[in-house]
Structures are given as structure tokens and as C-alpha cells.
Protein backbone atom coordinates (compact mmCIF):
# COMPACT_ATOMS: atom_id res chain seq x y z
CA UNK A 1 68.58 -64.14 108.00
CA UNK A 2 71.69 -64.48 109.79
CA UNK A 3 72.01 -64.66 113.72
CA UNK A 4 74.69 -62.82 115.47
CA UNK A 5 75.04 -63.10 119.45
CA UNK A 6 76.69 -61.01 122.03
CA UNK A 7 78.56 -62.94 124.42
CA UNK A 8 80.65 -62.54 127.83
CA UNK A 9 83.97 -63.23 126.46
CA UNK A 10 86.80 -64.76 128.57
CA UNK A 11 89.97 -62.81 127.59
CA UNK A 12 93.28 -61.64 128.61
CA UNK A 13 94.21 -59.14 130.90
CA UNK A 14 95.77 -55.91 129.07
CA UNK A 15 99.16 -56.29 130.40
CA UNK A 16 99.64 -59.99 129.15
CA UNK A 17 97.33 -60.11 125.86
CA UNK A 18 100.51 -60.06 123.65
CA UNK A 19 101.89 -62.80 125.26
CA UNK A 20 99.03 -64.79 125.40
CA UNK A 21 97.75 -64.58 121.80
CA UNK A 22 98.84 -67.32 119.42
CA UNK A 23 98.69 -68.65 116.18
CA UNK A 24 95.99 -70.84 115.13
CA UNK A 25 96.60 -74.55 116.44
CA UNK A 26 96.73 -76.03 112.70
CA UNK A 27 99.29 -73.78 111.26
CA UNK A 28 102.26 -75.20 113.01
CA UNK A 29 103.34 -78.55 114.01
CA UNK A 30 103.88 -79.73 117.81
CA UNK A 31 107.76 -79.39 117.45
CA UNK A 32 107.33 -75.67 116.05
CA UNK A 33 104.74 -74.90 118.81
CA UNK A 34 107.22 -76.11 121.71
CA UNK A 35 110.01 -73.78 120.29
CA UNK A 36 107.53 -71.27 120.11
CA UNK A 37 106.34 -71.52 123.65
CA UNK A 38 110.03 -71.26 124.93
CA UNK A 39 109.98 -68.73 127.90
CA UNK A 40 106.34 -67.96 127.58
CA UNK A 41 103.96 -69.79 130.02
CA UNK A 42 101.05 -67.48 128.77
CA UNK A 43 100.96 -68.47 125.07
CA UNK A 44 97.74 -70.07 124.37
CA UNK A 45 99.60 -72.67 122.46
CA UNK A 46 99.20 -74.30 126.25
CA UNK A 47 95.74 -74.52 125.75
CA UNK A 48 95.43 -75.19 121.69
CA UNK A 49 98.29 -77.38 121.54
CA UNK A 50 98.40 -78.60 124.89
CA UNK A 51 100.71 -81.68 123.87
CA UNK A 52 103.79 -79.07 124.22
CA UNK A 53 103.48 -79.90 127.86
CA UNK A 54 103.49 -83.50 127.52
CA UNK A 55 106.01 -86.18 126.74
CA UNK A 56 106.77 -86.22 122.89
CA UNK A 57 105.97 -89.88 122.74
CA UNK A 58 102.20 -89.32 123.50
CA UNK A 59 99.91 -89.57 120.78
CA UNK A 60 98.01 -85.90 119.43
CA UNK A 61 94.76 -87.45 120.18
CA UNK A 62 95.38 -89.22 123.69
CA UNK A 63 92.99 -88.06 126.02
CA UNK A 64 95.84 -86.93 128.37
CA UNK A 65 96.31 -83.92 125.85
CA UNK A 66 92.45 -82.85 125.89
CA UNK A 67 92.74 -83.03 130.08
CA UNK A 68 95.71 -81.24 129.73
CA UNK A 69 94.45 -78.28 127.72
CA UNK A 70 91.77 -78.01 130.38
CA UNK A 71 93.98 -77.72 133.18
CA UNK A 72 96.12 -75.64 131.41
CA UNK A 73 93.08 -73.07 130.89
CA UNK A 74 91.43 -73.53 134.38
CA UNK A 75 95.18 -72.86 135.80
CA UNK A 76 95.35 -69.35 133.68
CA UNK A 77 91.99 -68.55 134.62
CA UNK A 78 92.87 -69.26 138.36
CA UNK A 79 96.11 -66.98 138.23
CA UNK A 80 94.26 -64.01 136.77
CA UNK A 81 95.61 -64.14 133.14
CA UNK A 82 92.17 -64.27 131.88
CA UNK A 83 89.05 -62.20 132.93
CA UNK A 84 85.30 -62.63 132.08
CA UNK A 85 83.28 -59.78 130.98
CA UNK A 86 80.10 -59.30 133.21
CA UNK A 87 77.71 -58.35 130.35
CA UNK A 88 77.47 -59.82 126.90
CA UNK A 89 78.95 -57.55 124.47
CA UNK A 90 80.35 -57.54 120.88
CA UNK A 91 83.59 -57.04 119.86
CA UNK A 92 85.69 -55.29 117.30
CA UNK A 93 89.00 -57.15 115.98
CA UNK A 94 91.22 -55.07 113.80
CA UNK A 95 94.57 -56.55 112.59
CA UNK A 96 97.16 -54.72 110.41
CA UNK A 97 99.62 -56.37 107.90
CA UNK A 98 101.94 -53.87 106.17
CA UNK A 99 99.33 -51.64 104.53
CA UNK A 100 96.49 -54.26 104.58
CA UNK A 101 93.88 -53.53 107.33
CA UNK A 102 91.14 -55.68 108.20
CA UNK A 103 88.49 -55.28 110.52
CA UNK A 104 85.94 -57.70 111.76
CA UNK A 105 83.00 -57.97 114.16
CA UNK A 106 83.46 -60.38 116.84
CA UNK A 107 79.87 -62.40 118.04
CA UNK A 108 78.84 -65.90 118.48
CA UNK A 109 76.87 -67.47 115.48
CA UNK A 110 73.91 -70.08 115.44
CA UNK A 111 74.47 -73.48 115.26
CA UNK A 112 70.96 -73.74 113.49
CA UNK A 113 71.81 -71.16 110.88
CA UNK A 114 74.89 -73.81 110.26
CA UNK A 115 72.82 -76.51 109.86
CA UNK A 116 70.13 -74.61 107.39
CA UNK A 117 73.06 -73.21 105.27
CA UNK A 118 72.74 -69.76 106.28
CA UNK A 119 76.61 -70.13 107.04
CA UNK A 120 77.93 -71.71 103.97
CA UNK A 121 80.72 -73.80 103.46
CA UNK A 122 83.56 -74.65 100.63
CA UNK A 123 85.74 -77.08 102.17
CA UNK A 124 85.51 -80.70 103.32
CA UNK A 125 86.60 -81.97 106.62
CA UNK A 126 88.76 -84.67 108.07
CA UNK A 127 86.98 -87.12 110.48
CA UNK A 128 90.08 -87.40 112.66
CA UNK A 129 90.69 -83.47 112.88
CA UNK A 130 87.05 -82.81 113.37
CA UNK A 131 86.90 -85.38 116.49
CA UNK A 132 89.98 -83.77 117.60
CA UNK A 133 88.41 -80.25 118.27
CA UNK A 134 84.91 -81.89 119.52
CA UNK A 135 87.18 -83.48 122.16
CA UNK A 136 89.19 -80.25 122.77
CA UNK A 137 86.02 -78.02 122.86
CA UNK A 138 83.88 -80.47 124.90
CA UNK A 139 86.55 -81.21 127.55
CA UNK A 140 87.63 -77.63 128.09
CA UNK A 141 83.83 -76.34 127.80
CA UNK A 142 84.88 -73.67 125.46
CA UNK A 143 85.35 -72.68 122.17
CA UNK A 144 89.23 -71.51 122.10
CA UNK A 145 89.36 -70.33 118.21
CA UNK A 146 87.44 -68.13 116.46
CA UNK A 147 85.89 -69.05 113.00
CA UNK A 148 86.92 -66.73 110.01
CA UNK A 149 83.86 -65.43 108.24
CA UNK A 150 82.99 -63.13 105.41
CA UNK A 151 79.69 -61.48 104.30
CA UNK A 152 78.58 -59.41 101.54
CA UNK A 153 79.68 -55.96 103.01
CA UNK A 154 76.56 -53.26 103.99
CA UNK A 155 77.45 -49.50 104.47
CA UNK A 156 75.47 -49.33 107.32
CA UNK A 157 77.51 -52.00 109.55
CA UNK A 158 80.62 -50.50 108.32
CA UNK A 159 79.60 -47.15 109.51
CA UNK A 160 78.73 -48.58 112.82
CA UNK A 161 81.63 -50.16 113.42
CA UNK A 162 83.98 -47.22 112.11
CA UNK A 163 81.98 -44.75 113.98
CA UNK A 164 82.41 -46.96 117.34
CA UNK A 165 86.32 -47.07 116.49
CA UNK A 166 86.24 -43.35 116.08
CA UNK A 167 84.65 -42.75 119.75
CA UNK A 168 86.37 -45.17 121.51
CA UNK A 169 89.27 -46.11 123.31
CA UNK A 170 90.63 -49.54 122.09
CA UNK A 171 90.61 -52.49 124.58
CA UNK A 172 93.80 -53.99 123.36
CA UNK A 173 96.63 -52.61 121.12
CA UNK A 174 99.87 -54.44 120.26
CA UNK A 175 101.91 -55.78 117.48
CA UNK A 176 102.78 -59.45 117.26
CA UNK A 177 106.38 -60.77 116.87
CA UNK A 178 105.38 -61.59 113.06
CA UNK A 179 104.81 -57.38 112.59
CA UNK A 180 101.00 -57.73 112.83
CA UNK A 181 99.10 -55.35 114.59
CA UNK A 182 96.02 -56.13 116.48
CA UNK A 183 93.28 -53.94 118.06
CA UNK A 184 90.27 -54.48 119.79
CA UNK A 185 87.30 -52.63 120.99
CA UNK A 186 84.65 -53.73 123.06
CA UNK A 187 80.69 -52.74 122.05
CA UNK A 188 78.90 -52.45 125.42
CA UNK A 189 75.90 -50.53 124.35
CA UNK A 190 72.80 -52.32 124.02
CA UNK A 191 71.54 -49.86 121.57
CA UNK A 192 74.39 -50.74 119.37
CA UNK A 193 74.55 -54.12 119.68
CA UNK A 194 70.57 -54.16 118.81
CA UNK A 195 71.36 -52.33 115.62
CA UNK A 196 74.08 -54.43 114.69
CA UNK A 197 71.88 -57.51 115.10
CA UNK A 198 69.06 -56.02 113.18
CA UNK A 199 71.45 -55.67 110.32
CA UNK A 200 72.74 -58.90 110.17
CA UNK A 201 69.18 -60.60 110.45
CA UNK A 202 68.88 -59.22 106.90
CA UNK A 203 72.03 -60.82 105.52
CA UNK A 204 70.79 -63.81 103.83
CA UNK A 205 74.12 -65.74 103.67
CA UNK A 206 77.56 -65.86 106.06
CA UNK A 207 80.45 -67.62 104.31
CA UNK A 208 83.06 -69.99 106.19
CA UNK A 209 86.59 -68.22 104.88
CA UNK A 210 88.97 -70.47 107.32
CA UNK A 211 87.85 -72.66 110.01
CA UNK A 212 85.61 -75.55 108.70
CA UNK A 213 86.98 -78.06 111.40
CA UNK A 214 86.25 -75.70 114.09
CA UNK A 215 82.76 -74.84 113.13
CA UNK A 216 82.10 -78.57 112.25
CA UNK A 217 83.37 -79.14 115.81
CA UNK A 218 81.44 -76.76 117.96
CA UNK A 219 78.14 -77.49 115.87
CA UNK A 220 78.74 -81.27 117.03
CA UNK A 221 79.70 -80.41 120.59
CA UNK A 222 76.25 -78.42 120.52
CA UNK A 223 74.15 -81.10 119.02
CA UNK A 224 75.26 -83.62 121.71
CA UNK A 225 74.52 -80.96 124.42
CA UNK A 226 71.13 -80.65 123.38
CA UNK A 227 70.68 -84.21 123.03
CA UNK A 228 71.78 -84.62 126.76
CA UNK A 229 69.92 -81.65 128.13
CA UNK A 230 66.48 -82.57 128.93
CA UNK A 231 65.63 -78.82 129.81
CA UNK A 232 67.29 -77.49 126.48
CA UNK A 233 65.81 -74.14 125.68
CA UNK A 234 67.92 -73.11 122.84
CA UNK A 235 69.18 -70.00 124.52
CA UNK A 236 72.23 -71.76 126.03
CA UNK A 237 75.55 -71.11 124.89
CA UNK A 238 76.36 -74.37 123.67
CA UNK A 239 73.87 -73.32 120.91
CA UNK A 240 76.27 -70.91 119.52
CA UNK A 241 80.06 -70.72 118.11
CA UNK A 242 82.67 -68.03 118.22
CA UNK A 243 83.51 -66.19 115.00
CA UNK A 244 84.94 -62.91 113.42
CA UNK A 245 83.08 -61.51 110.56
CA UNK A 246 84.51 -59.56 107.95
CA UNK A 247 83.15 -57.72 105.18
CA UNK A 248 84.03 -59.10 101.52
CA UNK A 249 86.33 -56.10 100.73
CA UNK A 250 88.77 -56.76 103.81
CA UNK A 251 90.08 -60.31 103.39
CA UNK A 252 93.47 -60.87 101.88
CA UNK A 253 93.93 -64.23 99.85
CA UNK A 254 97.23 -65.07 98.76
CA UNK A 255 98.37 -67.61 96.43
CA UNK A 256 98.78 -71.18 97.93
CA UNK A 257 101.68 -72.58 95.88
CA UNK A 258 102.48 -76.09 94.95
CA UNK A 259 105.72 -78.13 94.76
CA UNK A 260 106.16 -81.48 93.32
CA UNK A 261 109.50 -83.87 93.93
CA UNK A 262 109.55 -85.40 90.36
CA UNK A 263 108.13 -85.03 86.91
CA UNK A 264 106.40 -88.70 86.90
CA UNK A 265 109.59 -90.20 84.71
CA UNK A 266 109.08 -87.09 81.76
CA UNK A 267 112.27 -85.44 80.80
CA UNK A 268 112.11 -81.71 81.37
CA UNK A 269 112.06 -81.19 77.65
CA UNK A 270 109.29 -83.81 77.02
CA UNK A 271 107.37 -82.31 80.07
CA UNK A 272 107.16 -79.04 78.73
CA UNK A 273 105.84 -80.44 75.05
CA UNK A 274 103.21 -82.01 76.97
CA UNK A 275 102.37 -78.85 78.70
CA UNK A 276 101.63 -76.80 75.33
CA UNK A 277 98.46 -78.91 74.72
CA UNK A 278 96.65 -76.82 77.28
CA UNK A 279 98.65 -74.08 78.10
CA UNK A 280 101.02 -71.44 76.42
CA UNK A 281 104.58 -71.61 77.87
CA UNK A 282 107.05 -68.86 77.45
CA UNK A 283 110.01 -68.10 79.38
CA UNK A 284 109.66 -65.41 82.34
CA UNK A 285 111.95 -62.47 81.15
CA UNK A 286 110.88 -60.33 84.42
CA UNK A 287 113.06 -59.59 87.09
CA UNK A 288 113.29 -62.23 90.21
CA UNK A 289 110.42 -64.80 90.65
CA UNK A 290 107.44 -64.94 88.38
CA UNK A 291 104.49 -63.81 90.38
CA UNK A 292 101.30 -64.25 88.23
CA UNK A 293 99.59 -60.99 87.40
CA UNK A 294 95.88 -62.30 86.57
CA UNK A 295 93.99 -65.35 86.77
CA UNK A 296 94.57 -68.58 84.49
CA UNK A 297 98.24 -67.68 84.55
CA UNK A 298 101.01 -69.33 86.78
CA UNK A 299 104.57 -69.09 87.22
CA UNK A 300 106.29 -72.54 86.91
CA UNK A 301 109.99 -72.93 88.37
CA UNK A 302 112.36 -75.90 86.64
CA UNK A 303 115.90 -76.33 86.53
CA UNK A 304 116.84 -73.13 87.75
CA UNK A 305 114.35 -70.94 85.18
CA UNK A 306 111.17 -69.45 85.53
CA UNK A 307 108.50 -69.86 82.96
CA UNK A 308 105.04 -68.15 82.57
CA UNK A 309 101.88 -70.19 82.06
CA UNK A 310 98.54 -69.31 80.48
CA UNK A 311 95.61 -71.70 80.50
CA UNK A 312 94.40 -71.99 76.66
CA UNK A 313 90.53 -70.96 76.22
CA UNK A 314 88.49 -73.96 76.19
CA UNK A 315 90.79 -76.00 78.06
CA UNK A 316 88.64 -75.92 81.24
CA UNK A 317 84.55 -75.16 82.02
CA UNK A 318 84.54 -71.35 82.48
CA UNK A 319 80.87 -71.47 83.70
CA UNK A 320 81.62 -73.86 86.54
CA UNK A 321 82.44 -72.23 89.47
CA UNK A 322 84.94 -75.09 90.87
CA UNK A 323 86.53 -75.88 87.06
CA UNK A 324 87.49 -72.34 86.29
CA UNK A 325 89.70 -72.02 89.78
CA UNK A 326 93.02 -71.63 88.80
CA UNK A 327 93.84 -74.72 91.21
CA UNK A 328 91.46 -76.66 89.42
CA UNK A 329 93.00 -75.90 86.17
CA UNK A 330 96.35 -76.89 87.19
CA UNK A 331 95.16 -80.16 88.87
CA UNK A 332 92.91 -81.18 86.14
CA UNK A 333 95.37 -80.37 83.05
CA UNK A 334 98.72 -80.74 84.79
CA UNK A 335 99.23 -82.20 88.05
CA UNK A 336 96.84 -85.25 87.45
CA UNK A 337 97.24 -86.11 84.05
CA UNK A 338 100.85 -85.11 83.44
CA UNK A 339 102.44 -85.66 86.79
CA UNK A 340 100.09 -88.48 88.29
CA UNK A 341 99.00 -86.59 91.22
CA UNK A 342 95.17 -87.72 90.91
CA UNK A 343 94.53 -87.06 95.00
CA UNK A 344 96.45 -84.14 96.10
CA UNK A 345 94.85 -84.75 99.67
CA UNK A 346 96.77 -87.65 99.89
CA UNK A 347 99.73 -87.96 97.36
CA UNK A 348 103.20 -87.51 99.28
CA UNK A 349 104.83 -86.39 96.04
CA UNK A 350 103.37 -82.82 96.40
CA UNK A 351 103.73 -80.22 99.04
CA UNK A 352 101.90 -76.66 99.67
CA UNK A 353 103.24 -73.27 100.52
CA UNK A 354 101.16 -70.61 101.62
CA UNK A 355 102.12 -67.74 99.86
CA UNK A 356 103.25 -65.52 102.71
CA UNK A 357 106.34 -67.46 102.68
CA UNK A 358 107.23 -65.84 99.51
CA UNK A 359 108.36 -67.28 96.25
CA UNK A 360 112.15 -67.42 97.09
CA UNK A 361 110.90 -70.35 99.34
CA UNK A 362 109.76 -72.01 96.10
CA UNK A 363 113.00 -71.54 94.49
CA UNK A 364 114.88 -72.79 97.89
CA UNK A 365 112.78 -76.01 97.98
CA UNK A 366 113.29 -77.04 94.55
CA UNK A 367 116.90 -76.61 94.87
CA UNK A 368 117.10 -78.84 97.68
CA UNK A 369 114.34 -81.92 97.46
CA UNK A 370 111.67 -80.70 94.70
CA UNK A 371 111.49 -80.76 91.26
CA UNK A 372 109.18 -78.40 90.31
CA UNK A 373 107.06 -75.41 91.66
CA UNK A 374 103.96 -73.26 90.78
CA UNK A 375 103.41 -70.12 91.74
CA UNK A 376 99.64 -69.19 91.91
CA UNK A 377 97.17 -66.50 91.24
CA UNK A 378 95.00 -66.04 94.46
CA UNK A 379 91.42 -67.32 94.45
CA UNK A 380 89.34 -64.44 95.23
CA UNK A 381 86.43 -63.89 97.62
CA UNK A 382 83.94 -63.88 95.10
CA UNK A 383 85.23 -67.29 93.66
CA UNK A 384 84.78 -68.50 97.10
CA UNK A 385 81.22 -67.06 97.52
CA UNK A 386 80.13 -68.44 94.36
CA UNK A 387 81.53 -71.87 95.02
CA UNK A 388 79.67 -71.66 98.34
CA UNK A 389 76.44 -70.43 96.90
CA UNK A 390 76.36 -73.24 94.15
CA UNK A 391 76.86 -75.83 97.11
CA UNK A 392 80.37 -76.80 95.58
CA UNK A 393 83.51 -77.97 97.21
CA UNK A 394 87.04 -76.01 96.75
CA UNK A 395 89.80 -78.17 95.89
CA UNK A 396 92.24 -78.48 98.63
CA UNK A 397 94.68 -75.76 99.55
CA UNK A 398 92.73 -73.11 97.05
CA UNK A 399 93.15 -70.21 99.69
CA UNK A 400 95.78 -68.93 102.24
CA UNK A 401 94.13 -65.96 104.48
CA UNK A 402 96.79 -63.71 105.82
CA UNK A 403 96.95 -62.66 108.69
CA UNK A 404 95.64 -65.22 110.66
CA UNK A 405 93.01 -64.57 113.43
CA UNK A 406 94.96 -64.90 117.00
CA UNK A 407 93.64 -67.24 119.27
CA UNK A 408 93.34 -66.54 123.24
CA UNK A 409 92.22 -63.01 123.18
CA UNK A 410 88.43 -64.17 122.73
CA UNK A 411 87.21 -67.53 124.77
CA UNK A 412 83.56 -68.49 124.50
CA UNK A 413 82.82 -70.54 127.13
CA UNK A 414 79.75 -72.85 126.84
CA UNK A 415 78.46 -72.94 130.26
């Protein structure tokens, strides 16, 4: 039974929202972030990646980085860049990328639902990245980046949200530099808020689509504050964390493609012969790069040519929700046994490129510094839910969600 809670968002004034809103902190390097904020003092990257305002020699996890994040946020609030709603509200956040539209409900979720597995996970977290966000959230006294959540769609929830959009003027409506449209509405009527809370209370499971480190960190901060507060009631803001909830028919997952630096001492001819044990291999005869059109099918770029690989029946466990994933099939039957990449999390010979970069990027990388590329068919939301329901973990780099939620449009203060 999922709990959603309205909150008093700290948010940009409408005149500056397009300058404040920023991509998530973990999709660019510090150097890229420094370039992105050039001539933009309002970018939320000054809070989410505050090392960009310090000397480049300072370690990313230095305490001065978190102190700078807090001072930058406090300064933006003091200067009137951000305002806080007087009453607790829910919000609607719609994104448009080309013809794709996704519409989510912005709310706070319960850390108890996270602990009790109402909110389901499919990814392992790294201790250093988790600790980084714990320090960031704790020192800023705020959750600054929303968690991307999905759930099995409910017609009544869809109807309430679409009805509200039809009857109310948008709070924000802007297009970011990458061409993504962002539109926000505020739900400030208690009757509608109560109706949505009632409907979500009948939903058994919510699923983290993107943001496992942010959610784990928010939970850890909440638990520590519970322990430190002798007057804890359970209603304090630190018991809840910021999320955007999308019905499962809305999110777009793109392929998360693979590049490998060498053939592990195999010649190209020998390598292709080895593939044929578990894959059907055919030269690609279509125009342009080979974009897989079905599950269990892969595009492979080697020596300036594209090939189509199809996993042979019986080469994977079709009843196991993890083993039957395309990323697992490629790892278990090719990357590991043939190319010697046994741990893709740490092996420096493999790189990953989100589908948003396009397949020409794979060709360019192979022509420059890599040897072989694999174009992946996207993992589905149904796959994600099945793995989460089974309590299993997806392989690394299984999903690339697009468009990315912007940070800085909604901030959840913990006190």
C-alpha cells in the first residue's frame, strides 16, 4: 500500500526556471558541468555538483564540496531565485521529447515503504556514491534531485491528472537547450490530493526506475535523523523523499550500448566463428547502422561492417527474468566467455554509451579508440518490474531512461 505525501516545494521563480533546471549530477563529469554552467550563475549544478565552484584539485568528496553546495543553495534562496509554497501540494511534471510525452506526479514517498519493499529496487548501489549523496542531502538539509518511479497504471489516476491539466494553467512551461519540453502544474486542492492519496494506497508496489543512489541516501539520512531525534513522531519531513511517479505506459527506455577495446587476442575471423555457438550471425544488409528490432537480437559493428546477431534458443534460461535479458545474454555468452570481460562494473576494456547518443557514436568510437560495438534492444518496463518483483538485481547498465528528470525544479526541505 503506497504512501504519497504532498510537500511544500522549494522551487524557482517562473522567470528563472529555465536557467535553474539542470540535468542530474551523475550524467556528466565535473569538467562537462563547468562548461555547462558557463555564464549561468543560476544553474542548479552549482548545488548538485558544487565542486565546479572550487579549485579543480579538490577531491569530489571533500567536505568543502558539500559546504559549498549548502552555501550556494542558501545564497539562491536569499536572493529570491527560489520560493517555497505556503501549503503542502502535489505537482504534475510533464516532459516532451520529440513525439514522446511522459507525465508524472511529483510527491514525497515514505522511507518505511522503501524499507518494507513496497518501493522495489533492481540495482546495487556503490558505497562511495551512496555516502556522497548522504553527505549532500544531510548538509544541504534537502533532497535536491527527484527519484524516477514507475507503477502499474491506474485509469482513475490517469484521469484525475489529465483532468487537472485540462482545467488549470501551467506553473512552468519551457524548453531546455537539448530540446526537451518541461511543463509543471501545481495541485493545491485538498480534495484532489486526498483522492490521489487514496488511489495510491491501493497500489501494492512502486518501482525505482532511476535514482537508486539518491533514494538509498535519502533513506539513510532519514534513519539517522530518527535516531538523533528523541521526539521523533514519524511525520517529520526527513521520513519522506522526493520522487516523480510515472504510470508504466509512459517511460521511455533506450538501449544501453556496449563498446569493447579489443578482441581478447582473437582474430576477427576466429571471433566470429566462436560467436556461432550461441548466436546466429549474419552480415547486416540494411541502410545505415543496425538498430535491433526485436529482443534477443543485437547489432554488432566490427572492422567497418555491421552484423546481426540472434541468440540461439536454449542458449539462455528463458524462465529466469534476469538471465533472459538481452544484456545478460550478451554478457554470459559473449562478453564474458569470449572477450574475457568477467566483471563489466570494473573492467576498463568495456565502455557503455546511452542510446540517446545514437549508433553513429558507436561507429565513431570503434573507428577511434575501440575495436567492437554492440547495439542493444532496450530493456522493457515489464522486464524491470519482473526482476524487481522477484527480488533480483539487473546487470549493470541495463537501462537508459530518456528524457532525464531535471534537478532544481522541485526541492524537498527536510526541516
